[in-house]
Amino acid sequence: MIRSALLVLLLPSAAPAQPAPDEWFHIVPIDRQTYAISEPRYWQQNVSYLLIGSSKAVLFDSGSGTYNMRPTVERLANVPVIAIPSHLHFDHVGNIREFTRIGLLHNAGLLGQVHNGEFQETQEQLLLRNDGRKFSFRVTDWLRDGQRIDLGGRSILFVSTPGHTPDSVSLVEPASARAFTGDLVNRVAIGAFSEGADLGQTLRSLRKIRMLLGPTGGVFEGHSEQFVRRGELDSMQVGIEQVLRGKITPTDVCISGQRMLEYDFAPFSVLSAPPDGPPLRPLPSRERAAETHVSCTMRSGNTIP
């Protein structure tokens, strides 16, 4: 089943972020110290999460960059904030340069991308050509897999969860049996289409999160305000296992002129690059619209640009 309405890539303007209009950011209180900050009018409907303690807070993902997010964050948290991206795709790091404290996964590859004090993303990590401009920011905190982050009366576990991308991470809060997973979990389509994506690693990371949560916990994901309960995680894991075993026949879809495969196990699916094809190329520009079609070939026989 092709979820074309939600797989349309309508890229935001290249203009710098501006003050947000009313209703752009939807604030969803999860509890008195935890908020979902979503962008329901943005094409990806990104959801970032603010976890607040008595001495500091974590902003997990920093939105699309369409409008300034920091004023919204500061209205909710009166303590210093560290911004941690779940991964480096442009729709998750859009506002990261608004924050003075930024945390990334400590590994040799990412450390090697620091030049003159600035972490410099590749186009493949950003998944956007960015009009030829470099996207960089200063990392202040290099966090290790399994490291505990003390927010003051609240302890968060920082966990490496590769699969969607090699550098994907999640946050786990053992005390509440819940996790924040970015795009490791996605209600629309579990993404295995970009550079470095690995569905086998996605499965291992999902198992890791389920183990850390215990028998009843669930997750908050990066593109839906709706909590993903343990039973749904179980179904997602079974579906991914079936895809990896070749038990589900894929359907061809097209993203930005490239053939991709969708494996449906309703209500979830996996969107993957084909085994004989390249991963999704960085999208052309923030102005470019790239629609998802049943096929990459139009009636005339020409490939969609």
C-alpha atoms as a PDB file:
ATOM      1  CA  MET A   1       0.000   0.000   0.000  1.00  0.00           C
ATOM      2  CA  ILE A   2       1.545   3.307  -1.091  1.00  0.00           C
ATOM      3  CA  ARG A   3       0.984   6.171   1.323  1.00  0.00           C
ATOM      4  CA  SER A   4       1.498   8.771  -1.406  1.00  0.00           C
ATOM      5  CA  ALA A   5      -0.188  11.624   0.425  1.00  0.00           C
ATOM      6  CA  LEU A   6       2.359  11.457   3.204  1.00  0.00           C
ATOM      7  CA  LEU A   7       5.350  10.576   1.068  1.00  0.00           C
ATOM      8  CA  VAL A   8       5.169  13.765  -1.001  1.00  0.00           C
ATOM      9  CA  LEU A   9       8.384  15.700  -0.507  1.00  0.00           C
ATOM     10  CA  LEU A  10       7.485  19.385  -0.645  1.00  0.00           C
ATOM     11  CA  LEU A  11      10.645  21.116   0.435  1.00  0.00           C
ATOM     12  CA  PRO A  12      10.621  24.302   2.518  1.00  0.00           C
ATOM     13  CA  SER A  13      11.855  27.643   1.343  1.00  0.00           C
ATOM     14  CA  ALA A  14      15.590  28.320   1.362  1.00  0.00           C
ATOM     15  CA  ALA A  15      15.013  31.621   3.179  1.00  0.00           C
ATOM     16  CA  PRO A  16      16.471  31.870   6.709  1.00  0.00           C
ATOM     17  CA  ALA A  17      14.157  30.877   9.538  1.00  0.00           C
ATOM     18  CA  GLN A  18      11.874  33.651  10.760  1.00  0.00           C
ATOM     19  CA  PRO A  19       9.736  34.144  13.891  1.00  0.00           C
ATOM     20  CA  ALA A  20       7.039  31.485  13.875  1.00  0.00           C
ATOM     21  CA  PRO A  21       3.445  32.488  13.147  1.00  0.00           C
ATOM     22  CA  ASP A  22       0.744  31.484  15.580  1.00  0.00           C
ATOM     23  CA  GLU A  23      -0.118  27.785  15.484  1.00  0.00           C
ATOM     24  CA  TRP A  24       3.017  26.750  13.592  1.00  0.00           C
ATOM     25  CA  PHE A  25       4.403  24.871  16.585  1.00  0.00           C
ATOM     26  CA  HIS A  26       1.924  22.567  18.293  1.00  0.00           C
ATOM     27  CA  ILE A  27       2.857  22.048  21.937  1.00  0.00           C
ATOM     28  CA  VAL A  28       1.702  18.726  23.398  1.00  0.00           C
ATOM     29  CA  PRO A  29       2.360  18.257  27.141  1.00  0.00           C
ATOM     30  CA  ILE A  30       3.348  14.630  27.751  1.00  0.00           C
ATOM     31  CA  ASP A  31       3.803  15.299  31.439  1.00  0.00           C
ATOM     32  CA  ARG A  32       4.782  18.324  33.553  1.00  0.00           C
ATOM     33  CA  GLN A  33       8.411  18.106  32.424  1.00  0.00           C
ATOM     34  CA  THR A  34       8.108  16.681  28.912  1.00  0.00           C
ATOM     35  CA  TYR A  35       6.709  18.266  25.763  1.00  0.00           C
ATOM     36  CA  ALA A  36       6.262  17.282  22.144  1.00  0.00           C
ATOM     37  CA  ILE A  37       6.851  20.242  19.825  1.00  0.00           C
ATOM     38  CA  SER A  38       5.364  19.364  16.474  1.00  0.00           C
ATOM     39  CA  GLU A  39       5.022  21.133  13.137  1.00  0.00           C
ATOM     40  CA  PRO A  40       1.682  19.840  11.779  1.00  0.00           C
ATOM     41  CA  ARG A  41       1.683  22.314   8.865  1.00  0.00           C
ATOM     42  CA  TYR A  42       5.088  21.169   7.656  1.00  0.00           C
ATOM     43  CA  TRP A  43       5.241  18.439   4.981  1.00  0.00           C
ATOM     44  CA  GLN A  44       6.999  15.968   7.271  1.00  0.00           C
ATOM     45  CA  GLN A  45       4.977  16.873  10.380  1.00  0.00           C
ATOM     46  CA  ASN A  46       8.194  16.736  12.397  1.00  0.00           C
ATOM     47  CA  VAL A  47       7.985  16.215  16.142  1.00  0.00           C
ATOM     48  CA  SER A  48      10.776  17.323  18.472  1.00  0.00           C
ATOM     49  CA  TYR A  49      10.813  16.567  22.197  1.00  0.00           C
ATOM     50  CA  LEU A  50      11.784  18.716  25.161  1.00  0.00           C
ATOM     51  CA  LEU A  51      12.785  16.832  28.311  1.00  0.00           C
ATOM     52  CA  ILE A  52      13.227  19.131  31.309  1.00  0.00           C
ATOM     53  CA  GLY A  53      14.998  18.543  34.603  1.00  0.00           C
ATOM     54  CA  SER A  54      15.756  20.825  37.519  1.00  0.00           C
ATOM     55  CA  SER A  55      19.190  21.864  36.205  1.00  0.00           C
ATOM     56  CA  LYS A  56      19.039  21.434  32.428  1.00  0.00           C
ATOM     57  CA  ALA A  57      16.909  20.192  29.544  1.00  0.00           C
ATOM     58  CA  VAL A  58      17.392  18.191  26.363  1.00  0.00           C
ATOM     59  CA  LEU A  59      15.802  19.168  23.060  1.00  0.00           C
ATOM     60  CA  PHE A  60      15.709  15.962  21.017  1.00  0.00           C
ATOM     61  CA  ASP A  61      15.638  17.077  17.373  1.00  0.00           C
ATOM     62  CA  SER A  62      15.385  20.706  16.393  1.00  0.00           C
ATOM     63  CA  GLY A  63      12.671  20.857  13.780  1.00  0.00           C
ATOM     64  CA  SER A  64      12.564  21.714  10.121  1.00  0.00           C
ATOM     65  CA  GLY A  65      14.186  25.139  10.277  1.00  0.00           C
ATOM     66  CA  THR A  66      11.197  26.766   8.606  1.00  0.00           C
ATOM     67  CA  TYR A  67      10.653  29.093  11.592  1.00  0.00           C
ATOM     68  CA  ASN A  68      12.691  29.841  14.709  1.00  0.00           C
ATOM     69  CA  MET A  69      12.202  27.215  17.420  1.00  0.00           C
ATOM     70  CA  ARG A  70      14.328  28.591  20.241  1.00  0.00           C
ATOM     71  CA  PRO A  71      11.746  31.127  21.539  1.00  0.00           C
ATOM     72  CA  THR A  72       9.207  28.310  21.850  1.00  0.00           C
ATOM     73  CA  VAL A  73      11.711  26.122  23.711  1.00  0.00           C
ATOM     74  CA  GLU A  74      12.672  28.950  26.079  1.00  0.00           C
ATOM     75  CA  ARG A  75       9.041  29.598  26.960  1.00  0.00           C
ATOM     76  CA  LEU A  76       8.765  26.003  28.151  1.00  0.00           C
ATOM     77  CA  ALA A  77      12.163  25.549  29.837  1.00  0.00           C
ATOM     78  CA  ASN A  78      13.861  28.042  32.155  1.00  0.00           C
ATOM     79  CA  VAL A  79      17.049  25.959  32.415  1.00  0.00           C
ATOM     80  CA  PRO A  80      19.976  25.579  29.963  1.00  0.00           C
ATOM     81  CA  VAL A  81      19.129  23.427  26.937  1.00  0.00           C
ATOM     82  CA  ILE A  82      21.315  20.966  25.057  1.00  0.00           C
ATOM     83  CA  ALA A  83      20.083  20.143  21.534  1.00  0.00           C
ATOM     84  CA  ILE A  84      20.642  16.533  20.448  1.00  0.00           C
ATOM     85  CA  PRO A  85      19.585  15.448  16.935  1.00  0.00           C
ATOM     86  CA  SER A  86      18.249  11.921  16.495  1.00  0.00           C
ATOM     87  CA  HIS A  87      20.125  11.926  13.172  1.00  0.00           C
ATOM     88  CA  LEU A  88      21.502  14.431  10.704  1.00  0.00           C
ATOM     89  CA  HIS A  89      18.834  14.650   7.976  1.00  0.00           C
ATOM     90  CA  PHE A  90      17.879  18.243   7.226  1.00  0.00           C
ATOM     91  CA  ASP A  91      14.379  17.992   8.695  1.00  0.00           C
ATOM     92  CA  HIS A  92      15.845  17.043  12.100  1.00  0.00           C
ATOM     93  CA  VAL A  93      18.680  19.581  12.335  1.00  0.00           C
ATOM     94  CA  GLY A  94      16.883  22.551  10.772  1.00  0.00           C
ATOM     95  CA  ASN A  95      17.059  24.787  13.846  1.00  0.00           C
ATOM     96  CA  ILE A  96      20.101  23.304  15.550  1.00  0.00           C
ATOM     97  CA  ARG A  97      22.262  26.381  15.001  1.00  0.00           C
ATOM     98  CA  GLU A  98      19.902  28.375  17.225  1.00  0.00           C
ATOM     99  CA  PHE A  99      21.325  26.540  20.243  1.00  0.00           C
ATOM    100  CA  THR A 100      24.715  27.120  21.834  1.00  0.00           C
ATOM    101  CA  ARG A 101      25.026  23.642  23.342  1.00  0.00           C
ATOM    102  CA  ILE A 102      24.786  20.700  20.942  1.00  0.00           C
ATOM    103  CA  GLY A 103      25.440  17.001  21.523  1.00  0.00           C
ATOM    104  CA  LEU A 104      26.411  14.319  18.984  1.00  0.00           C
ATOM    105  CA  LEU A 105      27.371  10.660  19.137  1.00  0.00           C
ATOM    106  CA  HIS A 106      31.037  10.171  19.983  1.00  0.00           C
ATOM    107  CA  ASN A 107      32.542   8.109  17.181  1.00  0.00           C
ATOM    108  CA  ALA A 108      35.604   8.382  14.989  1.00  0.00           C
ATOM    109  CA  GLY A 109      33.686   9.155  11.807  1.00  0.00           C
ATOM    110  CA  LEU A 110      31.764  12.098  13.216  1.00  0.00           C
ATOM    111  CA  LEU A 111      34.780  13.416  15.124  1.00  0.00           C
ATOM    112  CA  GLY A 112      36.691  13.385  11.840  1.00  0.00           C
ATOM    113  CA  GLN A 113      34.168  15.803  10.337  1.00  0.00           C
ATOM    114  CA  VAL A 114      35.159  18.617  12.693  1.00  0.00           C
ATOM    115  CA  HIS A 115      37.149  21.306  10.898  1.00  0.00           C
ATOM    116  CA  ASN A 116      38.154  24.622  12.467  1.00  0.00           C
ATOM    117  CA  GLY A 117      35.947  23.803  15.430  1.00  0.00           C
ATOM    118  CA  GLU A 118      32.831  23.214  13.318  1.00  0.00           C
ATOM    119  CA  PHE A 119      31.167  19.890  12.552  1.00  0.00           C
ATOM    120  CA  GLN A 120      30.574  19.847   8.793  1.00  0.00           C
ATOM    121  CA  GLU A 121      27.838  17.644   7.419  1.00  0.00           C
ATOM    122  CA  THR A 122      28.105  15.893   4.102  1.00  0.00           C
ATOM    123  CA  GLN A 123      25.266  16.276   1.621  1.00  0.00           C
ATOM    124  CA  GLU A 124      24.467  12.597   2.117  1.00  0.00           C
ATOM    125  CA  GLN A 125      24.072  13.060   5.877  1.00  0.00           C
ATOM    126  CA  LEU A 126      21.943  16.159   5.380  1.00  0.00           C
ATOM    127  CA  LEU A 127      20.018  14.442   2.543  1.00  0.00           C
ATOM    128  CA  LEU A 128      19.968  17.804   0.816  1.00  0.00           C
ATOM    129  CA  ARG A 129      22.294  19.512  -1.628  1.00  0.00           C
ATOM    130  CA  ASN A 130      21.594  22.749   0.264  1.00  0.00           C
ATOM    131  CA  ASP A 131      22.183  24.844  -2.869  1.00  0.00           C
ATOM    132  CA  GLY A 132      25.874  24.011  -2.661  1.00  0.00           C
ATOM    133  CA  ARG A 133      26.274  25.636   0.758  1.00  0.00           C
ATOM    134  CA  LYS A 134      27.957  23.840   3.632  1.00  0.00           C
ATOM    135  CA  PHE A 135      25.877  23.041   6.698  1.00  0.00           C
ATOM    136  CA  SER A 136      27.926  23.159   9.877  1.00  0.00           C
ATOM    137  CA  PHE A 137      27.582  23.751  13.599  1.00  0.00           C
ATOM    138  CA  ARG A 138      29.727  23.665  16.716  1.00  0.00           C
ATOM    139  CA  VAL A 139      29.418  20.501  18.833  1.00  0.00           C
ATOM    140  CA  THR A 140      29.943  21.095  22.561  1.00  0.00           C
ATOM    141  CA  ASP A 141      29.125  17.624  23.931  1.00  0.00           C
ATOM    142  CA  TRP A 142      30.366  14.346  22.450  1.00  0.00           C
ATOM    143  CA  LEU A 143      28.125  11.665  23.974  1.00  0.00           C
ATOM    144  CA  ARG A 144      28.957   7.976  24.191  1.00  0.00           C
ATOM    145  CA  ASP A 145      26.602   5.072  23.611  1.00  0.00           C
ATOM    146  CA  GLY A 146      25.026   4.161  26.948  1.00  0.00           C
ATOM    147  CA  GLN A 147      25.949   7.444  28.619  1.00  0.00           C
ATOM    148  CA  ARG A 148      23.545   8.740  31.250  1.00  0.00           C
ATOM    149  CA  ILE A 149      22.548  12.389  31.025  1.00  0.00           C
ATOM    150  CA  ASP A 150      21.663  13.920  34.391  1.00  0.00           C
ATOM    151  CA  LEU A 151      19.085  16.658  33.923  1.00  0.00           C
ATOM    152  CA  GLY A 152      18.694  17.250  37.647  1.00  0.00           C
ATOM    153  CA  GLY A 153      16.297  14.837  39.314  1.00  0.00           C
ATOM    154  CA  ARG A 154      15.867  13.100  35.970  1.00  0.00           C
ATOM    155  CA  SER A 155      18.163  10.601  34.270  1.00  0.00           C
ATOM    156  CA  ILE A 156      18.154   9.970  30.519  1.00  0.00           C
ATOM    157  CA  LEU A 157      20.062   7.217  28.706  1.00  0.00           C
ATOM    158  CA  PHE A 158      21.733   8.174  25.420  1.00  0.00           C
ATOM    159  CA  VAL A 159      21.709   5.172  23.067  1.00  0.00           C
ATOM    160  CA  SER A 160      23.238   4.580  19.645  1.00  0.00           C
ATOM    161  CA  THR A 161      20.504   3.111  17.406  1.00  0.00           C
ATOM    162  CA  PRO A 162      21.813   2.873  13.825  1.00  0.00           C
ATOM    163  CA  GLY A 163      19.652   1.683  10.983  1.00  0.00           C
ATOM    164  CA  HIS A 164      17.786   4.639   9.529  1.00  0.00           C
ATOM    165  CA  THR A 165      21.222   6.252   9.347  1.00  0.00           C
ATOM    166  CA  PRO A 166      24.569   5.074  10.778  1.00  0.00           C
ATOM    167  CA  ASP A 167      24.622   7.937  13.298  1.00  0.00           C
ATOM    168  CA  SER A 168      21.013   7.638  14.544  1.00  0.00           C
ATOM    169  CA  VAL A 169      20.502   7.812  18.307  1.00  0.00           C
ATOM    170  CA  SER A 170      17.622   7.487  20.762  1.00  0.00           C
ATOM    171  CA  LEU A 171      16.923   8.642  24.302  1.00  0.00           C
ATOM    172  CA  VAL A 172      15.581   6.164  26.847  1.00  0.00           C
ATOM    173  CA  GLU A 173      14.066   7.110  30.195  1.00  0.00           C
ATOM    174  CA  PRO A 174      14.068   3.927  32.284  1.00  0.00           C
ATOM    175  CA  ALA A 175      12.040   5.474  35.127  1.00  0.00           C
ATOM    176  CA  SER A 176       9.062   6.093  32.830  1.00  0.00           C
ATOM    177  CA  ALA A 177       9.628   3.091  30.510  1.00  0.00           C
ATOM    178  CA  ARG A 178       9.552   5.265  27.419  1.00  0.00           C
ATOM    179  CA  ALA A 179      11.978   6.181  24.665  1.00  0.00           C
ATOM    180  CA  PHE A 180      12.346   8.904  22.044  1.00  0.00           C
ATOM    181  CA  THR A 181      13.558   7.362  18.799  1.00  0.00           C
ATOM    182  CA  GLY A 182      13.540   9.876  15.955  1.00  0.00           C
ATOM    183  CA  ASP A 183      13.128   7.949  12.687  1.00  0.00           C
ATOM    184  CA  LEU A 184      14.088   4.523  13.994  1.00  0.00           C
ATOM    185  CA  VAL A 185      10.330   4.123  14.443  1.00  0.00           C
ATOM    186  CA  ASN A 186       7.981   5.750  11.934  1.00  0.00           C
ATOM    187  CA  ARG A 187       4.241   5.206  11.572  1.00  0.00           C
ATOM    188  CA  VAL A 188       4.226   6.182   7.897  1.00  0.00           C
ATOM    189  CA  ALA A 189       7.240   4.280   6.579  1.00  0.00           C
ATOM    190  CA  ILE A 190      10.346   2.927   8.283  1.00  0.00           C
ATOM    191  CA  GLY A 191      13.085   4.512   6.202  1.00  0.00           C
ATOM    192  CA  ALA A 192      15.928   2.400   4.825  1.00  0.00           C
ATOM    193  CA  PHE A 193      16.505   4.452   1.701  1.00  0.00           C
ATOM    194  CA  SER A 194      19.304   6.956   2.391  1.00  0.00           C
ATOM    195  CA  GLU A 195      23.090   6.685   2.432  1.00  0.00           C
ATOM    196  CA  GLY A 196      24.257   4.214   5.079  1.00  0.00           C
ATOM    197  CA  ALA A 197      20.775   2.905   5.910  1.00  0.00           C
ATOM    198  CA  ASP A 198      20.677  -0.735   7.005  1.00  0.00           C
ATOM    199  CA  LEU A 199      17.409  -2.523   7.752  1.00  0.00           C
ATOM    200  CA  GLY A 200      19.231  -5.283   9.622  1.00  0.00           C
ATOM    201  CA  GLN A 201      20.707  -2.665  11.943  1.00  0.00           C
ATOM    202  CA  THR A 202      17.257  -1.110  12.320  1.00  0.00           C
ATOM    203  CA  LEU A 203      15.995  -4.455  13.571  1.00  0.00           C
ATOM    204  CA  ARG A 204      18.872  -4.820  16.025  1.00  0.00           C
ATOM    205  CA  SER A 205      18.354  -1.270  17.295  1.00  0.00           C
ATOM    206  CA  LEU A 206      14.632  -1.862  17.727  1.00  0.00           C
ATOM    207  CA  ARG A 207      15.370  -4.996  19.751  1.00  0.00           C
ATOM    208  CA  LYS A 208      17.833  -2.994  21.842  1.00  0.00           C
ATOM    209  CA  ILE A 209      15.230  -0.335  22.638  1.00  0.00           C
ATOM    210  CA  ARG A 210      12.601  -2.932  23.490  1.00  0.00           C
ATOM    211  CA  MET A 211      15.042  -4.636  25.881  1.00  0.00           C
ATOM    212  CA  LEU A 212      15.883  -1.346  27.614  1.00  0.00           C
ATOM    213  CA  LEU A 213      12.203  -0.462  27.981  1.00  0.00           C
ATOM    214  CA  GLY A 214      11.145  -3.764  29.472  1.00  0.00           C
ATOM    215  CA  PRO A 215       7.831  -5.546  28.836  1.00  0.00           C
ATOM    216  CA  THR A 216       5.457  -2.568  28.862  1.00  0.00           C
ATOM    217  CA  GLY A 217       7.263   0.515  27.574  1.00  0.00           C
ATOM    218  CA  GLY A 218       6.690   2.415  24.347  1.00  0.00           C
ATOM    219  CA  VAL A 219       8.235   5.169  22.235  1.00  0.00           C
ATOM    220  CA  PHE A 220       7.655   8.635  20.876  1.00  0.00           C
ATOM    221  CA  GLU A 221       8.783   8.909  17.247  1.00  0.00           C
ATOM    222  CA  GLY A 222       9.904  11.761  15.022  1.00  0.00           C
ATOM    223  CA  HIS A 223       6.908  12.314  12.734  1.00  0.00           C
ATOM    224  CA  SER A 224       3.812  11.621  14.802  1.00  0.00           C
ATOM    225  CA  GLU A 225       2.476  12.924  18.095  1.00  0.00           C
ATOM    226  CA  GLN A 226       0.920   9.533  18.739  1.00  0.00           C
ATOM    227  CA  PHE A 227       2.667   7.278  21.273  1.00  0.00           C
ATOM    228  CA  VAL A 228       3.796   3.908  19.873  1.00  0.00           C
ATOM    229  CA  ARG A 229       2.824   1.226  22.378  1.00  0.00           C
ATOM    230  CA  ARG A 230       4.656  -2.000  23.088  1.00  0.00           C
ATOM    231  CA  GLY A 231       2.268  -4.151  21.061  1.00  0.00           C
ATOM    232  CA  GLU A 232       2.823  -1.922  18.045  1.00  0.00           C
ATOM    233  CA  LEU A 233       6.593  -2.189  18.484  1.00  0.00           C
ATOM    234  CA  ASP A 234       6.201  -5.969  18.532  1.00  0.00           C
ATOM    235  CA  SER A 235       4.236  -5.847  15.260  1.00  0.00           C
ATOM    236  CA  MET A 236       6.834  -3.550  13.726  1.00  0.00           C
ATOM    237  CA  GLN A 237       9.647  -5.917  14.670  1.00  0.00           C
ATOM    238  CA  VAL A 238       7.810  -8.916  13.201  1.00  0.00           C
ATOM    239  CA  GLY A 239       7.183  -7.000   9.969  1.00  0.00           C
ATOM    240  CA  ILE A 240      10.837  -6.019   9.583  1.00  0.00           C
ATOM    241  CA  GLU A 241      11.873  -9.619  10.213  1.00  0.00           C
ATOM    242  CA  GLN A 242       9.513 -10.734   7.432  1.00  0.00           C
ATOM    243  CA  VAL A 243      10.967  -8.155   5.041  1.00  0.00           C
ATOM    244  CA  LEU A 244      14.494  -9.335   5.778  1.00  0.00           C
ATOM    245  CA  ARG A 245      13.448 -12.971   5.214  1.00  0.00           C
ATOM    246  CA  GLY A 246      11.915 -12.134   1.838  1.00  0.00           C
ATOM    247  CA  LYS A 247       8.379 -12.910   2.993  1.00  0.00           C
ATOM    248  CA  ILE A 248       6.832  -9.641   1.764  1.00  0.00           C
ATOM    249  CA  THR A 249       6.660  -8.661  -1.906  1.00  0.00           C
ATOM    250  CA  PRO A 250       7.550  -4.993  -2.425  1.00  0.00           C
ATOM    251  CA  THR A 251       5.829  -2.383  -4.564  1.00  0.00           C
ATOM    252  CA  ASP A 252       7.796   0.043  -6.712  1.00  0.00           C
ATOM    253  CA  VAL A 253       7.546   3.693  -5.712  1.00  0.00           C
ATOM    254  CA  CYS A 254       9.423   6.728  -6.938  1.00  0.00           C
ATOM    255  CA  ILE A 255      11.019   9.446  -4.830  1.00  0.00           C
ATOM    256  CA  SER A 256      12.679  12.403  -6.525  1.00  0.00           C
ATOM    257  CA  GLY A 257      13.053  10.412  -9.737  1.00  0.00           C
ATOM    258  CA  GLN A 258      14.574   7.346  -8.078  1.00  0.00           C
ATOM    259  CA  ARG A 259      13.059   3.908  -7.851  1.00  0.00           C
ATOM    260  CA  MET A 260      12.477   2.726  -4.290  1.00  0.00           C
ATOM    261  CA  LEU A 261      10.706  -0.292  -2.794  1.00  0.00           C
ATOM    262  CA  GLU A 262       7.860  -0.251  -0.300  1.00  0.00           C
ATOM    263  CA  TYR A 263       7.202  -3.360   1.791  1.00  0.00           C
ATOM    264  CA  ASP A 264       3.773  -3.134   3.353  1.00  0.00           C
ATOM    265  CA  PHE A 265       2.764  -4.896   6.551  1.00  0.00           C
ATOM    266  CA  ALA A 266      -0.164  -2.679   7.503  1.00  0.00           C
ATOM    267  CA  PRO A 267      -0.416  -0.504   9.446  1.00  0.00           C
ATOM    268  CA  PHE A 268       3.352  -0.130   8.982  1.00  0.00           C
ATOM    269  CA  SER A 269       5.708  -0.367   6.035  1.00  0.00           C
ATOM    270  CA  VAL A 270       9.384  -0.241   5.097  1.00  0.00           C
ATOM    271  CA  LEU A 271      10.610   2.122   2.392  1.00  0.00           C
ATOM    272  CA  SER A 272      13.952   0.905   1.037  1.00  0.00           C
ATOM    273  CA  ALA A 273      16.426   1.467  -1.736  1.00  0.00           C
ATOM    274  CA  PRO A 274      16.415  -1.535  -4.106  1.00  0.00           C
ATOM    275  CA  PRO A 275      19.240  -4.069  -3.697  1.00  0.00           C
ATOM    276  CA  ASP A 276      20.425  -3.348  -7.238  1.00  0.00           C
ATOM    277  CA  GLY A 277      20.115   0.431  -6.992  1.00  0.00           C
ATOM    278  CA  PRO A 278      21.734   3.367  -5.212  1.00  0.00           C
ATOM    279  CA  PRO A 279      20.388   4.990  -2.046  1.00  0.00           C
ATOM    280  CA  LEU A 280      18.299   8.110  -2.324  1.00  0.00           C
ATOM    281  CA  ARG A 281      20.437  10.957  -3.606  1.00  0.00           C
ATOM    282  CA  PRO A 282      20.486  14.220  -1.637  1.00  0.00           C
ATOM    283  CA  LEU A 283      17.426  16.187  -2.662  1.00  0.00           C
ATOM    284  CA  PRO A 284      18.110  18.911  -5.234  1.00  0.00           C
ATOM    285  CA  SER A 285      17.170  22.041  -3.323  1.00  0.00           C
ATOM    286  CA  ARG A 286      14.808  23.347  -0.693  1.00  0.00           C
ATOM    287  CA  GLU A 287      12.597  24.803  -3.419  1.00  0.00           C
ATOM    288  CA  ARG A 288      12.321  21.599  -5.397  1.00  0.00           C
ATOM    289  CA  ALA A 289       9.124  19.561  -5.118  1.00  0.00           C
ATOM    290  CA  ALA A 290       9.616  15.821  -5.533  1.00  0.00           C
ATOM    291  CA  GLU A 291       6.485  13.707  -5.602  1.00  0.00           C
ATOM    292  CA  THR A 292       6.139  10.022  -4.924  1.00  0.00           C
ATOM    293  CA  HIS A 293       4.548   8.053  -7.772  1.00  0.00           C
ATOM    294  CA  VAL A 294       3.674   4.424  -8.377  1.00  0.00           C
ATOM    295  CA  SER A 295       6.388   4.261 -10.987  1.00  0.00           C
ATOM    296  CA  CYS A 296       9.433   6.300 -11.981  1.00  0.00           C
ATOM    297  CA  THR A 297       8.324   6.123 -15.613  1.00  0.00           C
ATOM    298  CA  MET A 298       5.733   8.515 -16.998  1.00  0.00           C
ATOM    299  CA  ARG A 299       3.326   7.560 -19.796  1.00  0.00           C
ATOM    300  CA  SER A 300       5.764   8.984 -22.319  1.00  0.00           C
ATOM    301  CA  GLY A 301       8.395   6.580 -21.031  1.00  0.00           C
ATOM    302  CA  ASN A 302      10.573   9.341 -19.649  1.00  0.00           C
ATOM    303  CA  THR A 303      11.957   9.238 -16.136  1.00  0.00           C
ATOM    304  CA  ILE A 304      10.504  11.759 -13.735  1.00  0.00           C
ATOM    305  CA  PRO A 305      13.138  14.469 -13.141  1.00  0.00           C
END
